[in-house]
Protein backbone atom coordinates (compact mmCIF):
# COMPACT_ATOMS: atom_id res chain seq x y z
CA UNK A 1 -0.01 -0.04 -0.06
CA UNK A 2 1.49 3.38 -1.06
CA UNK A 3 1.89 6.32 1.25
CA UNK A 4 -0.88 8.30 -0.52
CA UNK A 5 -3.26 5.52 -1.80
CA UNK A 6 -6.77 6.97 -2.26
CA UNK A 7 -8.35 4.52 0.28
CA UNK A 8 -7.43 1.77 2.51
CA UNK A 9 -7.35 -1.68 0.85
CA UNK A 10 -10.32 -3.71 1.79
CA UNK A 11 -9.74 -7.52 2.17
CA UNK A 12 -11.30 -9.59 -0.67
CA UNK A 13 -14.56 -11.07 0.43
CA UNK A 14 -13.98 -14.73 1.13
CA UNK A 15 -16.74 -17.21 0.19
CA UNK A 16 -17.53 -19.55 2.91
CA UNK A 17 -17.14 -23.25 2.13
CA UNK A 18 -20.89 -23.65 3.02
CA UNK A 19 -22.11 -20.59 1.04
CA UNK A 20 -24.75 -21.35 -1.61
CA UNK A 21 -24.17 -20.02 -5.19
CA UNK A 22 -26.72 -17.44 -6.31
CA UNK A 23 -28.78 -19.78 -8.57
CA UNK A 24 -28.83 -22.30 -5.69
CA UNK A 25 -30.82 -20.03 -3.35
CA UNK A 26 -33.98 -19.94 -5.47
CA UNK A 27 -33.48 -23.62 -6.34
CA UNK A 28 -33.38 -24.60 -2.61
CA UNK A 29 -36.15 -22.21 -1.50
CA UNK A 30 -38.39 -23.24 -4.31
CA UNK A 31 -37.84 -26.96 -3.69
CA UNK A 32 -38.74 -26.42 -0.11
CA UNK A 33 -41.98 -24.56 -1.12
CA UNK A 34 -43.07 -27.25 -3.52
CA UNK A 35 -42.24 -29.98 -0.86
CA UNK A 36 -44.37 -28.22 1.77
CA UNK A 37 -47.13 -28.01 -0.82
CA UNK A 38 -46.98 -31.68 -1.54
CA UNK A 39 -46.94 -32.53 2.18
CA UNK A 40 -49.71 -30.32 3.49
CA UNK A 41 -52.12 -31.55 0.66
CA UNK A 42 -51.36 -35.13 1.26
CA UNK A 43 -54.33 -35.66 3.62
CA UNK A 44 -52.85 -34.62 6.93
CA UNK A 45 -55.33 -34.39 9.94
CA UNK A 46 -55.69 -30.67 9.95
CA UNK A 47 -58.65 -28.44 9.43
CA UNK A 48 -59.49 -27.83 5.65
CA UNK A 49 -58.94 -24.01 6.23
CA UNK A 50 -55.42 -24.55 7.43
CA UNK A 51 -54.77 -26.87 4.50
CA UNK A 52 -55.67 -24.05 2.13
CA UNK A 53 -53.80 -21.45 4.02
CA UNK A 54 -50.61 -23.63 4.30
CA UNK A 55 -50.91 -24.47 0.54
CA UNK A 56 -51.33 -20.84 -0.42
CA UNK A 57 -48.27 -19.76 1.70
CA UNK A 58 -46.20 -22.41 -0.01
CA UNK A 59 -47.54 -21.31 -3.41
CA UNK A 60 -46.78 -17.66 -2.51
CA UNK A 61 -43.30 -18.60 -1.56
CA UNK A 62 -42.48 -20.21 -4.95
CA UNK A 63 -44.11 -17.29 -6.83
CA UNK A 64 -41.78 -14.95 -4.98
CA UNK A 65 -38.87 -17.07 -5.69
CA UNK A 66 -39.66 -17.27 -9.45
CA UNK A 67 -40.10 -13.42 -9.68
CA UNK A 68 -36.79 -12.86 -7.71
CA UNK A 69 -35.02 -15.14 -10.15
CA UNK A 70 -35.44 -12.66 -12.81
CA UNK A 71 -32.75 -10.40 -11.35
CA UNK A 72 -30.09 -13.21 -11.99
CA UNK A 73 -30.99 -14.20 -15.50
CA UNK A 74 -27.89 -12.39 -16.89
CA UNK A 75 -25.52 -14.73 -14.88
CA UNK A 76 -27.60 -17.82 -14.98
CA UNK A 77 -27.25 -20.36 -17.67
CA UNK A 78 -29.79 -22.62 -19.37
CA UNK A 79 -28.56 -25.90 -17.52
CA UNK A 80 -28.93 -24.11 -14.20
CA UNK A 81 -32.52 -23.12 -15.13
CA UNK A 82 -33.32 -26.63 -16.16
CA UNK A 83 -31.83 -27.85 -12.82
CA UNK A 84 -34.09 -25.40 -10.94
CA UNK A 85 -37.03 -26.62 -12.85
CA UNK A 86 -36.26 -30.18 -11.95
CA UNK A 87 -35.73 -29.43 -8.26
CA UNK A 88 -39.03 -27.41 -8.21
CA UNK A 89 -41.09 -30.01 -10.10
CA UNK A 90 -39.88 -33.20 -8.50
CA UNK A 91 -41.93 -33.02 -5.26
CA UNK A 92 -44.99 -32.38 -7.27
CA UNK A 93 -44.59 -35.52 -9.27
CA UNK A 94 -45.23 -37.48 -6.07
CA UNK A 95 -48.04 -35.30 -4.80
CA UNK A 96 -51.68 -36.04 -5.13
CA UNK A 97 -53.52 -34.48 -8.11
CA UNK A 98 -53.83 -30.74 -7.30
CA UNK A 99 -55.56 -27.72 -8.58
CA UNK A 100 -57.81 -29.71 -10.87
CA UNK A 101 -59.45 -33.26 -11.07
CA UNK A 102 -59.20 -33.57 -14.80
CA UNK A 103 -56.76 -36.46 -14.54
CA UNK A 104 -59.56 -38.44 -13.14
CA UNK A 105 -61.58 -37.69 -16.18
CA UNK A 106 -58.70 -38.94 -18.34
CA UNK A 107 -58.56 -42.22 -16.39
CA UNK A 108 -62.26 -42.69 -16.76
CA UNK A 109 -62.08 -42.02 -20.50
CA UNK A 110 -59.20 -44.38 -20.85
CA UNK A 111 -61.01 -47.21 -19.04
CA UNK A 112 -64.12 -46.59 -21.10
CA UNK A 113 -62.15 -47.06 -24.27
CA UNK A 114 -60.30 -50.05 -22.82
CA UNK A 115 -63.66 -51.70 -22.15
CA UNK A 116 -64.63 -51.25 -25.81
CA UNK A 117 -67.12 -48.48 -25.36
CA UNK A 118 -66.94 -45.03 -27.09
CA UNK A 119 -65.71 -42.26 -24.76
CA UNK A 120 -67.11 -39.75 -27.26
CA UNK A 121 -70.60 -41.01 -26.77
CA UNK A 122 -70.79 -42.13 -23.07
CA UNK A 123 -69.71 -40.21 -19.98
CA UNK A 124 -67.91 -41.82 -16.94
CA UNK A 125 -71.09 -42.56 -15.08
CA UNK A 126 -72.85 -44.25 -18.13
CA UNK A 127 -69.76 -46.31 -19.21
CA UNK A 128 -68.32 -47.30 -15.78
CA UNK A 129 -71.22 -46.86 -13.52
CA UNK A 130 -71.71 -44.45 -10.66
CA UNK A 131 -70.26 -46.73 -8.07
CA UNK A 132 -66.88 -47.05 -9.96
CA UNK A 133 -63.88 -45.80 -8.01
CA UNK A 134 -62.74 -43.67 -11.00
CA UNK A 135 -66.20 -42.17 -11.42
CA UNK A 136 -66.26 -41.19 -7.74
CA UNK A 137 -63.17 -39.20 -8.27
CA UNK A 138 -64.45 -37.41 -11.31
CA UNK A 139 -66.08 -33.88 -10.70
CA UNK A 140 -69.95 -34.18 -10.74
CA UNK A 141 -69.83 -31.54 -13.48
CA UNK A 142 -68.15 -34.00 -15.86
CA UNK A 143 -69.46 -37.36 -15.00
CA UNK A 144 -72.03 -37.45 -17.69
CA UNK A 145 -69.98 -35.60 -20.24
CA UNK A 146 -68.29 -37.32 -23.09
CA UNK A 147 -64.58 -36.72 -23.86
CA UNK A 148 -63.91 -33.44 -25.57
CA UNK A 149 -60.30 -34.33 -26.73
CA UNK A 150 -59.04 -35.25 -30.01
CA UNK A 151 -58.44 -38.66 -31.61
CA UNK A 152 -54.62 -38.68 -30.70
CA UNK A 153 -55.44 -38.39 -26.88
CA UNK A 154 -57.91 -41.26 -26.50
CA UNK A 155 -55.36 -44.02 -27.57
CA UNK A 156 -52.88 -42.62 -24.95
CA UNK A 157 -55.57 -42.69 -22.30
CA UNK A 158 -56.55 -46.21 -23.31
CA UNK A 159 -52.83 -47.37 -22.96
CA UNK A 160 -52.62 -45.81 -19.46
CA UNK A 161 -55.71 -47.69 -18.50
CA UNK A 162 -54.29 -50.95 -19.73
CA UNK A 163 -51.09 -50.50 -18.04
CA UNK A 164 -52.35 -49.33 -14.68
CA UNK A 165 -55.53 -51.47 -14.38
CA UNK A 166 -57.52 -50.71 -11.20
CA UNK A 167 -54.45 -49.04 -9.64
CA UNK A 168 -55.45 -45.34 -9.65
CA UNK A 169 -52.15 -44.12 -8.18
CA UNK A 170 -50.32 -45.89 -11.08
CA UNK A 171 -52.58 -44.28 -13.47
CA UNK A 172 -51.91 -40.67 -12.13
CA UNK A 173 -48.21 -41.36 -12.26
CA UNK A 174 -48.38 -42.52 -15.88
CA UNK A 175 -50.19 -39.28 -16.80
CA UNK A 176 -47.51 -37.31 -15.07
CA UNK A 177 -44.86 -39.15 -17.02
CA UNK A 178 -46.81 -38.12 -20.17
CA UNK A 179 -46.80 -34.52 -18.85
CA UNK A 180 -43.04 -34.70 -18.29
CA UNK A 181 -42.44 -35.81 -21.77
CA UNK A 182 -44.35 -32.78 -23.02
CA UNK A 183 -42.44 -30.47 -20.68
CA UNK A 184 -39.14 -31.92 -22.03
CA UNK A 185 -40.31 -31.02 -25.55
CA UNK A 186 -41.27 -27.50 -24.36
CA UNK A 187 -37.71 -27.06 -22.69
CA UNK A 188 -36.27 -28.12 -26.15
CA UNK A 189 -38.42 -25.77 -28.18
CA UNK A 190 -38.61 -22.57 -26.23
CA UNK A 191 -34.87 -21.50 -26.24
CA UNK A 192 -34.65 -22.25 -30.05
CA UNK A 193 -37.79 -20.24 -30.80
CA UNK A 194 -36.37 -17.49 -28.60
CA UNK A 195 -33.04 -17.48 -30.57
CA UNK A 196 -35.10 -17.36 -33.73
CA UNK A 197 -36.63 -14.12 -32.57
CA UNK A 198 -33.49 -12.61 -30.97
CA UNK A 199 -34.74 -13.13 -27.37
CA UNK A 200 -32.46 -14.28 -24.74
CA UNK A 201 -33.08 -18.03 -24.20
CA UNK A 202 -32.65 -17.73 -20.37
CA UNK A 203 -35.43 -15.09 -20.27
CA UNK A 204 -37.76 -17.24 -22.44
CA UNK A 205 -37.23 -20.25 -20.27
CA UNK A 206 -37.65 -18.39 -17.08
CA UNK A 207 -40.91 -16.72 -18.25
CA UNK A 208 -42.28 -19.79 -19.88
CA UNK A 209 -40.86 -23.12 -18.53
CA UNK A 210 -40.24 -22.07 -14.95
CA UNK A 211 -43.69 -20.32 -14.76
CA UNK A 212 -45.54 -21.31 -11.67
CA UNK A 213 -48.60 -22.13 -13.96
CA UNK A 214 -46.43 -24.83 -15.55
CA UNK A 215 -45.57 -26.30 -12.21
CA UNK A 216 -49.12 -26.09 -10.78
CA UNK A 217 -51.09 -27.37 -13.82
CA UNK A 218 -48.89 -29.27 -16.15
CA UNK A 219 -46.99 -31.28 -13.52
CA UNK A 220 -49.25 -31.29 -10.29
CA UNK A 221 -52.40 -31.27 -12.29
CA UNK A 222 -51.07 -33.58 -15.18
CA UNK A 223 -53.09 -31.84 -17.76
CA UNK A 224 -53.00 -32.99 -21.28
CA UNK A 225 -52.00 -29.37 -22.25
CA UNK A 226 -48.45 -30.34 -21.51
CA UNK A 227 -48.44 -32.99 -24.20
CA UNK A 228 -50.28 -30.65 -26.72
CA UNK A 229 -48.00 -27.74 -26.03
CA UNK A 230 -44.74 -29.77 -26.30
CA UNK A 231 -45.82 -31.31 -29.62
CA UNK A 232 -47.03 -27.97 -30.91
CA UNK A 233 -43.98 -25.93 -30.08
CA UNK A 234 -41.46 -28.49 -30.98
CA UNK A 235 -43.19 -29.10 -34.36
CA UNK A 236 -43.48 -25.37 -35.03
CA UNK A 237 -39.65 -25.04 -34.53
CA UNK A 238 -38.92 -27.93 -36.71
CA UNK A 239 -41.29 -26.76 -39.40
CA UNK A 240 -39.74 -23.21 -39.37
CA UNK A 241 -36.26 -24.85 -39.61
CA UNK A 242 -37.48 -26.78 -42.58
CA UNK A 243 -38.70 -23.69 -44.33
CA UNK A 244 -35.27 -22.18 -43.92
CA UNK A 245 -33.42 -25.17 -45.32
CA UNK A 246 -33.24 -26.50 -48.90
CA UNK A 247 -33.05 -30.00 -50.19
CA UNK A 248 -34.04 -33.26 -48.51
CA UNK A 249 -33.13 -31.88 -45.02
CA UNK A 250 -35.64 -29.03 -45.28
CA UNK A 251 -38.34 -31.30 -46.59
CA UNK A 252 -37.70 -33.92 -43.76
CA UNK A 253 -37.77 -31.17 -41.04
CA UNK A 254 -41.01 -29.75 -42.46
CA UNK A 255 -42.71 -33.08 -42.58
CA UNK A 256 -41.57 -33.97 -39.06
CA UNK A 257 -42.73 -30.52 -37.72
CA UNK A 258 -46.14 -30.86 -39.62
CA UNK A 259 -46.64 -34.23 -38.14
CA UNK A 260 -45.97 -33.24 -34.61
CA UNK A 261 -48.33 -30.22 -35.01
CA UNK A 262 -51.01 -32.47 -36.34
CA UNK A 263 -50.65 -34.71 -33.40
CA UNK A 264 -50.98 -31.75 -31.13
CA UNK A 265 -54.11 -30.56 -32.78
CA UNK A 266 -55.58 -34.00 -32.43
CA UNK A 267 -54.87 -33.94 -28.60
CA UNK A 268 -56.58 -30.53 -28.35
CA UNK A 269 -58.10 -28.69 -31.31
CA UNK A 270 -56.79 -25.32 -30.25
CA UNK A 271 -53.26 -26.36 -31.29
CA UNK A 272 -54.51 -26.16 -34.98
CA UNK A 273 -53.74 -22.43 -34.62
CA UNK A 274 -50.09 -23.23 -35.03
CA UNK A 275 -50.72 -25.13 -38.14
CA UNK A 276 -52.65 -22.21 -39.60
CA UNK A 277 -49.81 -19.81 -38.62
CA UNK A 278 -47.27 -22.11 -40.26
CA UNK A 279 -49.32 -22.19 -43.49
CA UNK A 280 -49.27 -18.35 -43.48
CA UNK A 281 -45.49 -18.43 -43.18
CA UNK A 282 -45.23 -20.94 -45.97
CA UNK A 283 -47.54 -18.96 -48.22
CA UNK A 284 -45.05 -16.07 -48.07
CA UNK A 285 -41.94 -18.21 -48.51
CA UNK A 286 -42.85 -21.46 -50.46
CA UNK A 287 -46.35 -22.05 -51.76
CA UNK A 288 -45.64 -25.66 -52.28
CA UNK A 289 -44.70 -26.07 -48.60
CA UNK A 290 -48.08 -24.67 -47.62
CA UNK A 291 -49.88 -27.38 -49.70
CA UNK A 292 -47.57 -30.04 -48.02
CA UNK A 293 -48.33 -28.77 -44.58
CA UNK A 294 -52.16 -28.92 -45.29
CA UNK A 295 -51.90 -32.39 -46.82
CA UNK A 296 -50.02 -33.64 -43.75
CA UNK A 297 -52.64 -32.23 -41.36
CA UNK A 298 -55.64 -33.55 -43.33
CA UNK A 299 -54.16 -37.08 -43.80
CA UNK A 300 -52.98 -37.29 -40.23
CA UNK A 301 -56.36 -36.30 -38.77
CA UNK A 302 -58.28 -38.73 -40.96
CA UNK A 303 -55.98 -41.59 -40.07
CA UNK A 304 -56.29 -40.95 -36.48
CA UNK A 305 -60.10 -40.50 -36.65
CA UNK A 306 -60.33 -43.73 -38.60
CA UNK A 307 -58.90 -45.48 -35.50
CA UNK A 308 -61.13 -43.82 -32.80
CA UNK A 309 -64.05 -42.62 -34.83
CA UNK A 310 -65.16 -39.21 -35.85
CA UNK A 311 -67.38 -38.70 -32.66
CA UNK A 312 -64.81 -36.21 -31.29
CA UNK A 313 -66.05 -33.57 -33.73
CA UNK A 314 -69.49 -33.22 -32.12
CA UNK A 315 -68.04 -33.83 -28.66
CA UNK A 316 -66.01 -30.61 -28.93
CA UNK A 317 -68.91 -28.51 -27.79
CA UNK A 318 -69.10 -30.43 -24.47
CA UNK A 319 -66.15 -28.28 -23.20
CA UNK A 320 -68.48 -25.36 -22.81
CA UNK A 321 -71.21 -27.28 -20.95
CA UNK A 322 -70.12 -25.54 -17.70
CA UNK A 323 -69.88 -21.70 -17.36
CA UNK A 324 -66.31 -20.43 -16.95
CA UNK A 325 -66.29 -17.48 -14.55
CA UNK A 326 -62.73 -16.60 -15.66
CA UNK A 327 -63.89 -15.92 -19.19
CA UNK A 328 -64.55 -12.13 -19.59
CA UNK A 329 -67.33 -12.63 -22.04
CA UNK A 330 -68.98 -15.40 -19.88
CA UNK A 331 -68.53 -13.43 -16.61
CA UNK A 332 -69.99 -10.27 -18.16
CA UNK A 333 -72.99 -12.20 -19.57
CA UNK A 334 -73.63 -13.89 -16.12
CA UNK A 335 -73.30 -10.54 -14.48
CA UNK A 336 -75.53 -8.69 -16.89
CA UNK A 337 -78.22 -11.27 -16.82
CA UNK A 338 -78.08 -11.51 -12.96
CA UNK A 339 -78.56 -7.68 -12.37
CA UNK A 340 -81.73 -7.31 -14.10
CA UNK A 341 -81.01 -7.36 -17.91
CA UNK A 342 -84.13 -7.78 -20.17
CA UNK A 343 -82.80 -11.26 -21.14
CA UNK A 344 -81.93 -14.31 -18.97
CA UNK A 345 -78.30 -15.14 -18.17
CA UNK A 346 -78.17 -17.84 -20.78
CA UNK A 347 -79.16 -15.35 -23.55
CA UNK A 348 -76.61 -12.67 -22.43
CA UNK A 349 -73.93 -15.20 -22.14
CA UNK A 350 -74.64 -16.64 -25.62
CA UNK A 351 -74.79 -13.10 -27.19
CA UNK A 352 -71.60 -12.05 -25.55
CA UNK A 353 -69.71 -15.20 -26.35
CA UNK A 354 -70.73 -14.97 -29.99
CA UNK A 355 -69.58 -11.32 -30.16
CA UNK A 356 -66.30 -12.30 -28.52
CA UNK A 357 -65.79 -15.11 -31.13
CA UNK A 358 -66.27 -12.67 -33.91
CA UNK A 359 -63.75 -10.16 -32.33
CA UNK A 360 -61.22 -13.04 -31.76
CA UNK A 361 -61.66 -14.12 -35.37
CA UNK A 362 -60.98 -10.60 -36.76
CA UNK A 363 -57.83 -10.38 -34.55
CA UNK A 364 -56.59 -13.72 -35.83
CA UNK A 365 -57.10 -12.86 -39.45
CA UNK A 366 -55.34 -9.57 -39.01
CA UNK A 367 -52.40 -11.32 -37.33
CA UNK A 368 -52.30 -14.01 -40.25
CA UNK A 369 -52.26 -11.18 -42.68
CA UNK A 370 -49.37 -9.53 -40.91
CA UNK A 371 -47.49 -12.87 -40.92
CA UNK A 372 -47.99 -13.35 -44.79
CA UNK A 373 -46.64 -9.76 -45.37
CA UNK A 374 -43.75 -10.33 -43.09
CA UNK A 375 -44.74 -7.54 -40.62
CA UNK A 376 -44.83 -9.97 -37.64
CA UNK A 377 -42.75 -12.83 -36.31
CA UNK A 378 -44.76 -16.10 -36.58
CA UNK A 379 -43.95 -17.00 -33.02
CA UNK A 380 -45.18 -13.77 -31.64
CA UNK A 381 -48.30 -13.97 -33.83
CA UNK A 382 -49.03 -17.49 -32.50
CA UNK A 383 -48.93 -16.14 -28.98
CA UNK A 384 -51.08 -13.16 -29.75
CA UNK A 385 -53.61 -15.50 -31.47
CA UNK A 386 -53.92 -17.42 -28.27
CA UNK A 387 -54.07 -14.35 -26.22
CA UNK A 388 -57.00 -13.14 -28.29
CA UNK A 389 -58.72 -16.42 -27.86
CA UNK A 390 -58.43 -16.22 -24.05
CA UNK A 391 -59.56 -12.56 -23.81
CA UNK A 392 -62.62 -13.07 -26.08
CA UNK A 393 -63.18 -16.76 -25.79
CA UNK A 394 -66.12 -18.37 -23.76
CA UNK A 395 -63.90 -20.76 -21.55
CA UNK A 396 -60.78 -19.73 -19.68
CA UNK A 397 -58.90 -21.86 -17.20
CA UNK A 398 -55.62 -20.84 -15.43
CA UNK A 399 -53.60 -23.44 -17.45
CA UNK A 400 -55.05 -22.05 -20.60
CA UNK A 401 -52.67 -18.99 -20.17
CA UNK A 402 -49.80 -21.19 -21.03
CA UNK A 403 -51.07 -21.39 -24.64
CA UNK A 404 -50.17 -17.69 -24.97
CA UNK A 405 -47.50 -17.40 -22.34
CA UNK A 406 -44.98 -19.89 -24.01
CA UNK A 407 -44.98 -18.44 -27.43
CA UNK A 408 -44.84 -14.91 -26.07
CA UNK A 409 -42.07 -15.71 -23.71
CA UNK A 410 -39.92 -16.64 -26.66
CA UNK A 411 -40.80 -13.59 -28.74
CA UNK A 412 -41.60 -10.55 -26.58
CA UNK A 413 -38.62 -8.04 -26.43
CA UNK A 414 -40.14 -5.16 -24.24
CA UNK A 415 -39.33 -5.46 -20.59
CA UNK A 416 -42.67 -3.79 -19.70
CA UNK A 417 -44.55 -6.52 -21.71
CA UNK A 418 -42.58 -9.20 -19.88
CA UNK A 419 -43.50 -7.54 -16.57
CA UNK A 420 -47.28 -7.69 -17.56
CA UNK A 421 -47.02 -11.40 -18.53
CA UNK A 422 -45.19 -12.25 -15.34
CA UNK A 423 -47.67 -10.29 -13.15
CA UNK A 424 -50.66 -11.86 -14.89
CA UNK A 425 -49.09 -15.33 -14.45
CA UNK A 426 -48.46 -14.68 -10.77
CA UNK A 427 -52.11 -13.54 -10.18
CA UNK A 428 -53.52 -16.61 -12.03
CA UNK A 429 -51.02 -18.86 -10.10
CA UNK A 430 -52.68 -17.73 -6.94
CA UNK A 431 -56.29 -17.75 -8.25
CA UNK A 432 -56.99 -21.47 -7.65
CA UNK A 433 -56.38 -23.30 -4.26
CA UNK A 434 -54.47 -26.51 -4.40
CA UNK A 435 -57.45 -28.58 -3.24
CA UNK A 436 -61.19 -28.09 -3.43
CA UNK A 437 -62.92 -27.05 -0.11
CA UNK A 438 -66.18 -25.62 1.16
CA UNK A 439 -66.73 -21.94 0.29
CA UNK A 440 -66.30 -21.08 4.00
CA UNK A 441 -63.06 -22.94 4.25
CA UNK A 442 -61.72 -21.35 1.12
CA UNK A 443 -62.68 -17.85 2.22
CA UNK A 444 -61.15 -18.38 5.63
CA UNK A 445 -57.91 -19.88 4.11
CA UNK A 446 -57.56 -17.11 1.58
CA UNK A 447 -58.12 -14.42 4.23
CA UNK A 448 -55.61 -15.97 6.73
CA UNK A 449 -53.13 -16.44 4.00
CA UNK A 450 -53.47 -12.89 2.77
CA UNK A 451 -53.15 -11.52 6.38
CA UNK A 452 -49.92 -13.57 6.88
CA UNK A 453 -48.41 -12.62 3.49
CA UNK A 454 -49.19 -8.89 4.27
CA UNK A 455 -47.63 -9.10 7.67
CA UNK A 456 -44.59 -10.86 6.29
CA UNK A 457 -44.21 -8.33 3.55
CA UNK A 458 -44.48 -5.43 6.07
CA UNK A 459 -41.94 -7.01 8.33
CA UNK A 460 -39.59 -7.73 5.38
CA UNK A 461 -39.84 -4.14 4.21
CA UNK A 462 -39.01 -2.73 7.64
CA UNK A 463 -36.13 -5.13 7.97
CA UNK A 464 -34.93 -4.07 4.56
CA UNK A 465 -35.30 -0.34 5.42
CA UNK A 466 -33.25 -0.98 8.71
CA UNK A 467 -30.64 -2.89 6.75
CA UNK A 468 -30.17 -0.15 4.18
CA UNK A 469 -30.14 2.44 7.03
CA UNK A 470 -27.40 0.44 8.77
CA UNK A 471 -25.39 0.08 5.54
CA UNK A 472 -25.56 3.78 4.89
CA UNK A 473 -24.37 4.67 8.43
CA UNK A 474 -21.61 2.05 8.10
CA UNK A 475 -20.54 3.56 4.71
CA UNK A 476 -20.60 7.09 6.25
CA UNK A 477 -18.44 6.14 9.01
CA UNK A 478 -16.08 4.17 6.68
CA UNK A 479 -15.92 7.36 4.40
CA UNK A 480 -15.21 9.55 7.59
CA UNK A 481 -12.46 7.11 8.68
CA UNK A 482 -11.08 7.17 5.18
CA UNK A 483 -11.05 10.85 5.06
CA UNK A 484 -9.39 11.13 8.39
CA UNK A 485 -6.68 8.61 7.36
CA UNK A 486 -5.97 10.36 4.15
CA UNK A 487 -5.61 13.68 6.06
CA UNK A 488 -3.36 12.02 8.48
CA UNK A 489 -1.17 10.62 5.67
CA UNK A 490 -0.99 13.89 3.91
CA UNK A 491 0.25 15.76 6.96
CA UNK A 492 2.80 12.93 7.62
CA UNK A 493 4.06 13.32 4.14
CA UNK A 494 4.39 17.07 4.33
CA UNK A 495 6.25 16.78 7.69
CA UNK A 496 8.45 14.05 6.19
CA UNK A 497 9.28 16.25 3.10
CA UNK A 498 10.15 19.27 5.25
CA UNK A 499 12.36 17.01 7.52
CA UNK A 500 14.19 15.68 4.43
CA UNK A 501 14.74 19.24 3.13
CA UNK A 502 16.09 20.40 6.43
CA UNK A 503 18.40 17.44 6.66
CA UNK A 504 19.71 18.03 3.15
CA UNK A 505 20.22 21.72 3.80
CA UNK A 506 22.00 21.10 7.07
CA UNK A 507 24.20 18.38 5.41
CA UNK A 508 25.15 20.14 2.22
CA UNK A 509 24.48 23.87 2.99
CA UNK A 510 28.07 25.17 3.66
CA UNK A 511 30.71 26.54 1.21
CA UNK A 512 34.42 25.58 1.72
CA UNK A 513 35.14 28.84 3.46
CA UNK A 514 32.38 27.95 5.96
CA UNK A 515 29.74 30.45 4.73
CA UNK A 516 26.22 29.14 4.31
CA UNK A 517 24.69 28.40 0.89
CA UNK A 518 21.27 29.53 -0.11
CA UNK A 519 18.64 26.92 -0.10
CA UNK A 520 18.29 26.95 -3.92
CA UNK A 521 22.17 26.61 -4.41
CA UNK A 522 22.24 23.83 -1.70
CA UNK A 523 19.46 22.02 -3.61
CA UNK A 524 21.25 22.42 -6.89
CA UNK A 525 24.44 20.93 -5.30
CA UNK A 526 22.45 18.01 -3.97
CA UNK A 527 20.99 17.31 -7.41
CA UNK A 528 24.44 17.42 -8.95
CA UNK A 529 25.85 14.89 -6.48
CA UNK A 530 22.83 12.65 -6.86
CA UNK A 531 23.36 12.77 -10.58
CA UNK A 532 26.95 11.69 -10.05
CA UNK A 533 28.75 15.04 -11.16
CA UNK A 534 32.37 14.52 -10.20
CA UNK A 535 34.78 17.14 -8.90
CA UNK A 536 32.40 19.37 -7.19
CA UNK A 537 34.06 20.45 -3.87
CA UNK A 538 31.70 20.73 -0.99
CA UNK A 539 32.21 21.38 2.80
CA UNK A 540 30.74 19.13 5.36
CA UNK A 541 29.96 20.47 8.75
CA UNK A 542 33.14 20.93 11.09
CA UNK A 543 35.24 19.03 8.48
CA UNK A 544 37.86 20.12 5.89
CA UNK A 545 37.30 20.27 2.11
CA UNK A 546 36.73 16.94 0.44
CA UNK A 547 35.76 15.62 -3.08
CA UNK A 548 32.31 13.88 -3.47
């Protein structure tokens, strides 16, 4: 350290041997949160309101970790994000079905197909009987409802029913393995789609794959949307790659992507939007490719329907048999019909749903035209098409948001838009409790959880403020100590310089005759002697002349 160094040297911070790397903190905290969620919903002998409260607190903890992870995306790699996703999702793989009972409907439809009956004609109660263990788990709203899914999903459900037999736990685990396969495809496709649109892959994976909605509804809920989204996004990426390549490699990639998207649309018909968007891209680049994509989609659908039958087409309308209060058009119709409108709620809901469908169709057409003209990226257009369907559609569930979130996560560049997507995802992630309960227990659970979260946030804010104040005081004291040390060093240097000057004047400040030299002459003599000038005669104190 030099004499006039600008500040005292601080010791380099030493990382403890037990310190957790930055990405490891959300990994550990999120894994603990999902583990707590899996444990408190496992049927412990606690009041239902407390179960709801504990589940909501665990959900809020994971949502908070997910939002906080955004600050570290610049220093976090894709393998680290995949590791975090695996750590967060593993406890939910072993939990009971959460947030929805649709997996029981899947099991019932698979058993119906395994017994030789038509799941597009008979509901679980008619096909398996009211006393069946699977039927008892199915929600009363769907016990008499045929399967609303495409001809690619029923064979998978039948295979699960054959493999699991009467073991319901094995059936749920098999459906979760299917969901994991879909999530693996999503994890493969999202970063590649993000690079295609010049979006950071880590940002896209954080916003899409690590989204709490993915954990809650694709893993814990085991929804077939995981398979549909995985096939759709992977096929979309392959098909876009095929359009960019030439020769047999391009044709192979285009055929493979079209086949995957056809399978996705035959799991859930909404995935056909990706095929339509791909055709719009192909019309602009290669018109023959547009014809090829259409032929693959038509032939694939006919082939699958020949195996399961075409009953899935009229069964599509069964998905709207129950009013969806999350759909803006449906909720507005119910509200208008319930507060004294001249028509019944059924009429107002029908009118508003029709109007919403027309608006959504106009938005979709405009987006497709923009894609054909090259004014909008196809990945972003796909996300906006799904967003329009959610805003103006008649049925909305929390996991439906992933239809739009995943493509938009890979194509949105504006940080404000990402913040909006993250905020809406966080709100919908907390909108459903992990388990069904009585309205009184749900209300009590939400109120207690909200109160505890508010108290925790207030205490955290006060602790953060106190910590910042302490750091500011410490910095001020450190700056004062630094200034005092610098002042002391400056004074010491000045005194040291004066002492050296006085010593040199005393040592070399006399002529041979004994008279004193002026300070300037003495300094010049000192410089000459230090430079090694020979022959200069100087006089030392009380000594005779000598040669330096």
